[in-house]
Amino acid sequence: MLKLSLPRVTRLFVPVLALALVAVGVGWIGPVSSASAAAPSSGRFTPVNTTRIFSGTVGTKPVVVPITGHGGISSAATAVVVNVEISTPTSTGYLRVTAAGSDPRVATQEFTKGQTISNLATVKLSGGKIQAKLSAGSAKVFMDVSGYYSTSSSASTYSPVTNFRLFGKKVGTTPVRVPIAGVGAVPSSATAVAVNTEVSTPTAAGYVRVTPYGQNPTVAAQVFTKGRTISNLVISKLSGGAVQVKLSAGSATVFMDVAGYYSPRRPAPSSSRSTRRVPTRVPCRPARGRSAWPEPPAYPAPPPASSSTRRWRPPPRPATSESRREEQTRRSRLRSSPLARPSPTW
């Protein structure tokens, strides 16, 4: 019968134990996930050149308006940003703009008989469509889209800012360029801006247009009457980092106050740091062809590595079972460090 001495059994068992613990240790030591919250997977905004997509008479029965595939709105859109204008209504009431097939008791804009007014709305799409209806009477309704929301990773996310006045000058029928990107809290990477636009004491009845710079479509951000000051929120795509503003008639002092901006999503910062969640010490040998690692300071410094000094051991201690177990525990340690980066010295 083959008999194995205790030291020989120990020498055979330790490498096996080391491999087993290293395999388990791999599950304990891993990269730390980033603490930064990533941008949501839905609700990312894509601005488009402001475009009129609907013009027609609306009454008390819902009128369905196809949105996707029109005015640059993608078929993947889940919601749309649309400025809705009610012109010369026959009765006092309110307008509802909702997802197609949905008719909750909500009001997108209230109006009085004969009053022309508009309002910006963000509306969920159902089957790529929305619907509009009045609570009473009928009116001419216009819809101008300025962007849409979707799950596209290349789209932009919204960042609110402390409201600040960006612009305040007299405007007429000639477009005035208004730089926005890189101004105040708006970064140069901004793709669109949310800005409250006020028209003060206009000299004639008309409407104001706020569109990407260089674009002059027949759209209305807000309709006004002579001498009446009125305002409306506008979300506009930036072109060359700017928008432009003009009136359809007369002149007025126009004020623009920024509420927020849209910009491309920033990737969440990554971390390559490792953490030891469960402290583990495993007896093991240094890699073949490399000298042993330094021992704790309590031991004398090891001699220089050479072909004849592959393994270095500390001076012998009293041969007791307790000291033998201590020596096996303290002789070597497991190190985990990033690839191609030197291990720390303990």
Protein backbone atom coordinates (compact mmCIF):
# COMPACT_ATOMS: atom_id res chain seq x y z
CA MET A 1 0.00 0.00 0.00
CA LEU A 2 1.26 3.45 -0.95
CA LYS A 3 1.73 5.68 2.06
CA LEU A 4 1.97 9.43 1.78
CA SER A 5 3.53 11.49 4.49
CA LEU A 6 1.71 14.54 5.82
CA PRO A 7 4.08 17.05 4.15
CA ARG A 8 3.66 15.26 0.78
CA VAL A 9 -0.14 15.26 1.10
CA THR A 10 -0.01 18.94 1.97
CA ARG A 11 2.11 19.73 -1.07
CA LEU A 12 -0.36 17.89 -3.32
CA PHE A 13 -3.43 19.39 -1.72
CA VAL A 14 -2.37 23.05 -1.63
CA PRO A 15 -2.16 23.58 -5.44
CA VAL A 16 -5.61 21.98 -5.89
CA LEU A 17 -7.05 24.14 -3.14
CA ALA A 18 -5.44 27.22 -4.63
CA LEU A 19 -6.97 26.57 -8.04
CA ALA A 20 -10.40 26.02 -6.50
CA LEU A 21 -10.26 29.20 -4.44
CA VAL A 22 -8.95 31.25 -7.34
CA ALA A 23 -11.86 30.02 -9.47
CA VAL A 24 -14.28 31.03 -6.72
CA GLY A 25 -12.42 34.30 -6.17
CA VAL A 26 -13.05 35.31 -9.77
CA GLY A 27 -16.73 35.53 -8.88
CA TRP A 28 -15.95 37.76 -5.91
CA ILE A 29 -13.64 40.21 -7.63
CA GLY A 30 -15.10 42.14 -10.55
CA PRO A 31 -15.61 45.57 -12.03
CA VAL A 32 -17.69 48.07 -10.15
CA SER A 33 -20.72 49.23 -12.08
CA SER A 34 -20.92 52.97 -12.66
CA ALA A 35 -22.96 54.92 -10.15
CA SER A 36 -24.04 57.39 -12.82
CA ALA A 37 -27.58 56.93 -14.01
CA ALA A 38 -27.82 56.37 -17.73
CA ALA A 39 -30.22 58.35 -19.85
CA PRO A 40 -33.66 56.73 -20.23
CA SER A 41 -34.13 54.26 -23.07
CA SER A 42 -37.23 56.13 -24.29
CA GLY A 43 -38.34 59.74 -24.49
CA ARG A 44 -35.38 61.07 -26.47
CA PHE A 45 -36.07 64.10 -28.61
CA THR A 46 -35.34 64.66 -32.28
CA PRO A 47 -35.96 68.23 -33.49
CA VAL A 48 -37.19 68.82 -37.03
CA ASN A 49 -37.58 71.92 -39.17
CA THR A 50 -40.88 73.45 -38.09
CA THR A 51 -43.48 72.23 -40.59
CA ARG A 52 -47.24 72.60 -40.97
CA ILE A 53 -48.81 69.15 -41.10
CA PHE A 54 -52.51 69.95 -40.70
CA SER A 55 -54.92 72.67 -41.69
CA GLY A 56 -58.66 72.08 -41.58
CA THR A 57 -61.98 72.67 -39.88
CA VAL A 58 -62.56 70.87 -36.59
CA GLY A 59 -65.85 70.55 -34.71
CA THR A 60 -67.18 68.49 -31.82
CA LYS A 61 -66.38 65.18 -33.47
CA PRO A 62 -62.76 63.93 -33.34
CA VAL A 63 -60.66 64.56 -36.43
CA VAL A 64 -57.78 62.09 -36.77
CA VAL A 65 -54.46 63.58 -37.93
CA PRO A 66 -51.72 61.23 -39.25
CA ILE A 67 -48.32 62.31 -37.86
CA THR A 68 -45.62 59.74 -38.58
CA GLY A 69 -44.25 59.94 -42.09
CA HIS A 70 -45.13 63.65 -42.33
CA GLY A 71 -42.98 66.70 -41.66
CA GLY A 72 -39.90 64.65 -40.93
CA ILE A 73 -41.55 62.64 -38.14
CA SER A 74 -40.13 59.11 -37.98
CA SER A 75 -42.32 56.02 -37.96
CA ALA A 76 -40.59 55.14 -34.66
CA ALA A 77 -41.97 58.27 -32.95
CA THR A 78 -43.89 57.73 -29.71
CA ALA A 79 -44.96 61.37 -29.15
CA VAL A 80 -44.92 64.63 -31.06
CA VAL A 81 -44.34 68.29 -30.18
CA VAL A 82 -46.93 70.34 -32.02
CA ASN A 83 -48.06 73.96 -31.93
CA VAL A 84 -51.84 74.09 -32.28
CA GLU A 85 -53.64 77.24 -33.48
CA ILE A 86 -57.41 77.82 -33.27
CA SER A 87 -58.66 80.45 -35.68
CA THR A 88 -61.99 82.33 -35.51
CA PRO A 89 -64.02 79.76 -33.51
CA THR A 90 -67.80 80.04 -33.80
CA SER A 91 -68.35 79.50 -30.09
CA THR A 92 -66.55 79.80 -26.77
CA GLY A 93 -64.99 76.53 -25.64
CA TYR A 94 -61.78 74.57 -25.56
CA LEU A 95 -59.73 72.34 -27.84
CA ARG A 96 -58.67 68.78 -27.06
CA VAL A 97 -55.62 67.26 -28.77
CA THR A 98 -55.02 63.68 -27.67
CA ALA A 99 -53.74 60.33 -28.91
CA ALA A 100 -55.95 58.90 -31.66
CA GLY A 101 -58.85 56.93 -30.19
CA SER A 102 -58.49 58.55 -26.77
CA ASP A 103 -60.92 61.25 -25.66
CA PRO A 104 -60.27 62.26 -22.01
CA ARG A 105 -61.89 65.41 -20.64
CA VAL A 106 -58.81 67.63 -20.98
CA ALA A 107 -58.19 71.06 -22.53
CA THR A 108 -55.19 71.84 -24.73
CA GLN A 109 -56.30 75.44 -25.24
CA GLU A 110 -59.35 77.50 -24.24
CA PHE A 111 -60.76 80.24 -26.44
CA THR A 112 -63.63 82.69 -26.74
CA LYS A 113 -65.87 83.14 -29.73
CA GLY A 114 -63.95 84.70 -32.62
CA GLN A 115 -60.57 84.61 -30.76
CA THR A 116 -57.53 83.28 -32.61
CA ILE A 117 -54.96 81.77 -30.24
CA SER A 118 -52.35 79.00 -30.16
CA ASN A 119 -50.57 76.76 -27.70
CA LEU A 120 -47.67 74.28 -27.71
CA ALA A 121 -48.54 70.67 -26.88
CA THR A 122 -46.68 67.38 -26.51
CA VAL A 123 -49.01 64.56 -27.49
CA LYS A 124 -48.63 60.80 -27.32
CA LEU A 125 -49.12 58.98 -30.63
CA SER A 126 -51.43 56.03 -31.13
CA GLY A 127 -50.79 54.18 -34.35
CA GLY A 128 -48.74 57.18 -35.44
CA LYS A 129 -51.75 59.49 -35.14
CA ILE A 130 -53.36 62.10 -32.89
CA GLN A 131 -56.87 63.54 -32.88
CA ALA A 132 -58.43 66.97 -32.33
CA LYS A 133 -61.93 68.08 -31.34
CA LEU A 134 -63.66 71.14 -29.90
CA SER A 135 -65.97 71.20 -26.90
CA ALA A 136 -68.40 73.44 -28.78
CA GLY A 137 -68.86 75.03 -32.21
CA SER A 138 -66.21 74.77 -34.91
CA ALA A 139 -62.98 76.51 -35.91
CA LYS A 140 -60.10 76.37 -38.32
CA VAL A 141 -57.21 74.46 -36.70
CA PHE A 142 -53.56 74.53 -37.75
CA MET A 143 -50.85 72.17 -36.48
CA ASP A 144 -47.11 72.80 -36.83
CA VAL A 145 -44.65 70.09 -35.69
CA SER A 146 -41.19 70.95 -34.33
CA GLY A 147 -39.95 67.55 -33.16
CA TYR A 148 -40.78 64.11 -31.83
CA TYR A 149 -39.84 61.66 -29.09
CA SER A 150 -38.63 58.11 -29.70
CA THR A 151 -36.23 55.44 -28.39
CA SER A 152 -33.42 56.42 -30.77
CA SER A 153 -30.05 56.41 -29.00
CA SER A 154 -28.80 59.14 -31.35
CA ALA A 155 -31.54 61.57 -30.29
CA SER A 156 -31.28 64.29 -27.64
CA THR A 157 -32.27 64.56 -23.99
CA TYR A 158 -33.69 67.59 -22.21
CA SER A 159 -31.77 69.65 -19.64
CA PRO A 160 -33.67 72.35 -17.73
CA VAL A 161 -31.87 75.58 -16.80
CA THR A 162 -32.59 78.46 -14.49
CA ASN A 163 -34.70 80.68 -16.72
CA PHE A 164 -32.78 83.56 -18.21
CA ARG A 165 -33.59 86.26 -20.76
CA LEU A 166 -31.81 85.54 -24.01
CA PHE A 167 -33.28 88.20 -26.29
CA GLY A 168 -35.23 91.44 -26.06
CA LYS A 169 -35.35 93.62 -29.18
CA LYS A 170 -37.75 95.20 -31.63
CA VAL A 171 -38.65 92.80 -34.44
CA GLY A 172 -40.48 93.40 -37.71
CA THR A 173 -41.15 91.46 -40.87
CA THR A 174 -37.46 90.84 -41.59
CA PRO A 175 -36.01 87.73 -39.87
CA VAL A 176 -33.69 88.44 -36.93
CA ARG A 177 -31.04 85.87 -36.06
CA VAL A 178 -30.90 84.88 -32.38
CA PRO A 179 -27.76 82.91 -31.35
CA ILE A 180 -28.52 80.34 -28.63
CA ALA A 181 -25.92 77.53 -28.55
CA GLY A 182 -23.03 78.53 -26.32
CA VAL A 183 -24.98 81.40 -24.74
CA GLY A 184 -25.60 81.39 -20.99
CA ALA A 185 -26.24 77.89 -19.68
CA VAL A 186 -26.90 76.47 -23.17
CA PRO A 187 -23.91 74.44 -24.42
CA SER A 188 -22.55 74.59 -27.95
CA SER A 189 -23.73 70.99 -28.47
CA ALA A 190 -27.42 71.92 -28.08
CA THR A 191 -29.69 70.70 -30.89
CA ALA A 192 -32.91 72.46 -29.85
CA VAL A 193 -34.15 74.96 -27.28
CA ALA A 194 -37.29 75.49 -25.20
CA VAL A 195 -37.93 79.24 -25.06
CA ASN A 196 -40.87 81.33 -23.92
CA THR A 197 -41.54 83.99 -26.55
CA GLU A 198 -43.40 87.17 -25.66
CA VAL A 199 -44.71 89.70 -28.18
CA SER A 200 -45.16 93.09 -26.51
CA THR A 201 -47.40 95.92 -27.80
CA PRO A 202 -47.44 94.96 -31.51
CA THR A 203 -48.31 97.73 -33.94
CA ALA A 204 -50.59 95.50 -36.03
CA ALA A 205 -52.45 92.20 -35.81
CA GLY A 206 -50.46 89.18 -36.99
CA TYR A 207 -48.40 86.26 -35.79
CA VAL A 208 -44.82 85.59 -34.75
CA ARG A 209 -42.61 82.89 -36.28
CA VAL A 210 -39.74 81.27 -34.35
CA THR A 211 -37.95 78.77 -36.56
CA PRO A 212 -34.45 77.33 -37.13
CA TYR A 213 -32.13 79.98 -38.54
CA GLY A 214 -32.46 80.21 -42.33
CA GLN A 215 -35.87 78.46 -42.34
CA ASN A 216 -38.97 80.56 -43.04
CA PRO A 217 -41.97 78.24 -43.34
CA THR A 218 -45.54 79.52 -43.06
CA VAL A 219 -46.07 78.61 -39.42
CA ALA A 220 -47.19 80.56 -36.35
CA ALA A 221 -45.69 80.31 -32.88
CA GLN A 222 -48.33 82.72 -31.55
CA VAL A 223 -51.09 84.89 -33.00
CA PHE A 224 -51.62 88.41 -31.60
CA THR A 225 -53.81 91.46 -32.08
CA LYS A 226 -52.74 95.09 -32.28
CA GLY A 227 -51.55 96.46 -28.94
CA ARG A 228 -52.06 93.17 -27.06
CA THR A 229 -49.10 91.55 -25.32
CA ILE A 230 -49.12 87.75 -25.44
CA SER A 231 -46.65 84.87 -25.10
CA ASN A 232 -46.25 81.16 -25.81
CA LEU A 233 -43.70 78.42 -25.22
CA VAL A 234 -41.73 77.45 -28.33
CA ILE A 235 -39.48 74.43 -28.91
CA SER A 236 -37.32 75.03 -31.96
CA LYS A 237 -34.52 73.18 -33.66
CA LEU A 238 -31.22 75.06 -33.83
CA SER A 239 -29.52 75.67 -37.16
CA GLY A 240 -25.98 76.93 -36.92
CA GLY A 241 -26.61 77.24 -33.18
CA ALA A 242 -29.38 79.79 -33.69
CA VAL A 243 -33.06 80.41 -34.38
CA GLN A 244 -34.70 83.31 -36.18
CA VAL A 245 -37.73 85.37 -35.30
CA LYS A 246 -40.00 87.56 -37.42
CA LEU A 247 -43.54 88.97 -37.46
CA SER A 248 -46.08 88.55 -40.23
CA ALA A 249 -47.05 92.24 -40.01
CA GLY A 250 -46.07 95.42 -38.16
CA SER A 251 -43.46 95.43 -35.42
CA ALA A 252 -43.21 94.65 -31.73
CA THR A 253 -40.69 94.14 -28.95
CA VAL A 254 -40.01 90.40 -28.67
CA PHE A 255 -38.59 88.81 -25.53
CA MET A 256 -37.18 85.29 -25.36
CA ASP A 257 -36.61 83.50 -22.06
CA VAL A 258 -34.80 80.13 -22.14
CA ALA A 259 -36.30 77.32 -20.03
CA GLY A 260 -34.08 74.46 -21.20
CA TYR A 261 -32.28 72.84 -24.09
CA TYR A 262 -31.89 69.52 -25.85
CA SER A 263 -28.49 67.95 -26.52
CA PRO A 264 -27.10 64.54 -27.52
CA ARG A 265 -27.02 61.94 -24.78
CA ARG A 266 -23.75 61.71 -22.85
CA PRO A 267 -22.53 58.14 -22.30
CA ALA A 268 -22.36 57.13 -18.64
CA PRO A 269 -18.78 57.16 -17.38
CA SER A 270 -17.25 53.73 -17.06
CA SER A 271 -15.06 52.46 -14.25
CA SER A 272 -12.28 49.89 -14.49
CA ARG A 273 -11.69 49.73 -10.74
CA SER A 274 -12.02 46.42 -8.94
CA THR A 275 -13.27 45.73 -5.48
CA ARG A 276 -12.61 42.89 -3.10
CA ARG A 277 -15.99 42.03 -1.68
CA VAL A 278 -14.85 39.02 0.34
CA PRO A 279 -11.28 39.07 1.70
CA THR A 280 -9.53 35.95 0.46
CA ARG A 281 -5.99 34.65 0.88
CA VAL A 282 -4.94 31.71 -1.21
CA PRO A 283 -1.61 29.83 -0.99
CA CYS A 284 -0.15 29.75 -4.50
CA ARG A 285 3.08 29.88 -6.45
CA PRO A 286 4.43 32.70 -8.63
CA ALA A 287 4.14 32.32 -12.39
CA ARG A 288 6.75 30.15 -14.08
CA GLY A 289 9.85 32.10 -14.95
CA ARG A 290 9.20 34.84 -12.36
CA SER A 291 10.72 35.31 -8.93
CA ALA A 292 8.65 35.08 -5.80
CA TRP A 293 6.82 38.18 -4.61
CA PRO A 294 8.21 40.14 -1.63
CA GLU A 295 7.16 38.98 1.81
CA PRO A 296 5.63 41.17 4.51
CA PRO A 297 8.10 43.53 6.22
CA ALA A 298 8.46 41.17 9.19
CA TYR A 299 10.61 38.88 7.03
CA PRO A 300 14.13 39.57 5.74
CA ALA A 301 14.30 40.85 2.14
CA PRO A 302 14.56 37.98 -0.42
CA PRO A 303 17.72 37.53 -2.47
CA PRO A 304 17.72 38.75 -6.13
CA ALA A 305 15.93 36.47 -8.59
CA SER A 306 18.10 34.09 -10.60
CA SER A 307 17.79 30.87 -12.48
CA SER A 308 18.67 28.98 -9.34
CA THR A 309 16.40 31.01 -7.08
CA ARG A 310 12.91 30.40 -8.34
CA ARG A 311 11.29 30.04 -4.96
CA TRP A 312 12.35 31.83 -1.82
CA ARG A 313 11.28 30.82 1.62
CA PRO A 314 11.68 32.65 4.90
CA PRO A 315 14.08 31.37 7.58
CA PRO A 316 12.78 28.28 9.33
CA ARG A 317 10.73 28.65 12.44
CA PRO A 318 10.24 26.19 15.28
CA ALA A 319 8.67 23.12 13.77
CA THR A 320 5.34 23.23 15.51
CA SER A 321 2.06 22.46 13.84
CA GLU A 322 0.78 25.97 14.65
CA SER A 323 3.79 27.75 13.12
CA ARG A 324 3.62 25.49 10.05
CA ARG A 325 0.01 26.51 9.45
CA GLU A 326 0.91 30.19 9.99
CA GLU A 327 3.78 29.93 7.51
CA GLN A 328 1.48 28.40 4.87
CA THR A 329 -1.03 31.20 5.46
CA ARG A 330 1.42 34.09 5.26
CA ARG A 331 3.82 32.79 2.63
CA SER A 332 1.99 34.22 -0.41
CA ARG A 333 -1.02 36.34 -1.32
CA LEU A 334 -3.44 36.62 -4.23
CA ARG A 335 -3.20 39.84 -6.27
CA SER A 336 -5.71 41.11 -8.82
CA SER A 337 -4.89 44.17 -10.91
CA PRO A 338 -5.82 45.64 -14.34
CA LEU A 339 -4.17 43.95 -17.31
CA ALA A 340 -0.73 45.37 -18.21
CA ARG A 341 -0.62 47.38 -14.98
CA PRO A 342 2.01 46.47 -12.33
CA SER A 343 0.69 44.83 -9.19
CA PRO A 344 0.89 46.88 -6.00
CA THR A 345 3.59 46.07 -3.47
CA TRP A 346 2.21 44.92 -0.16
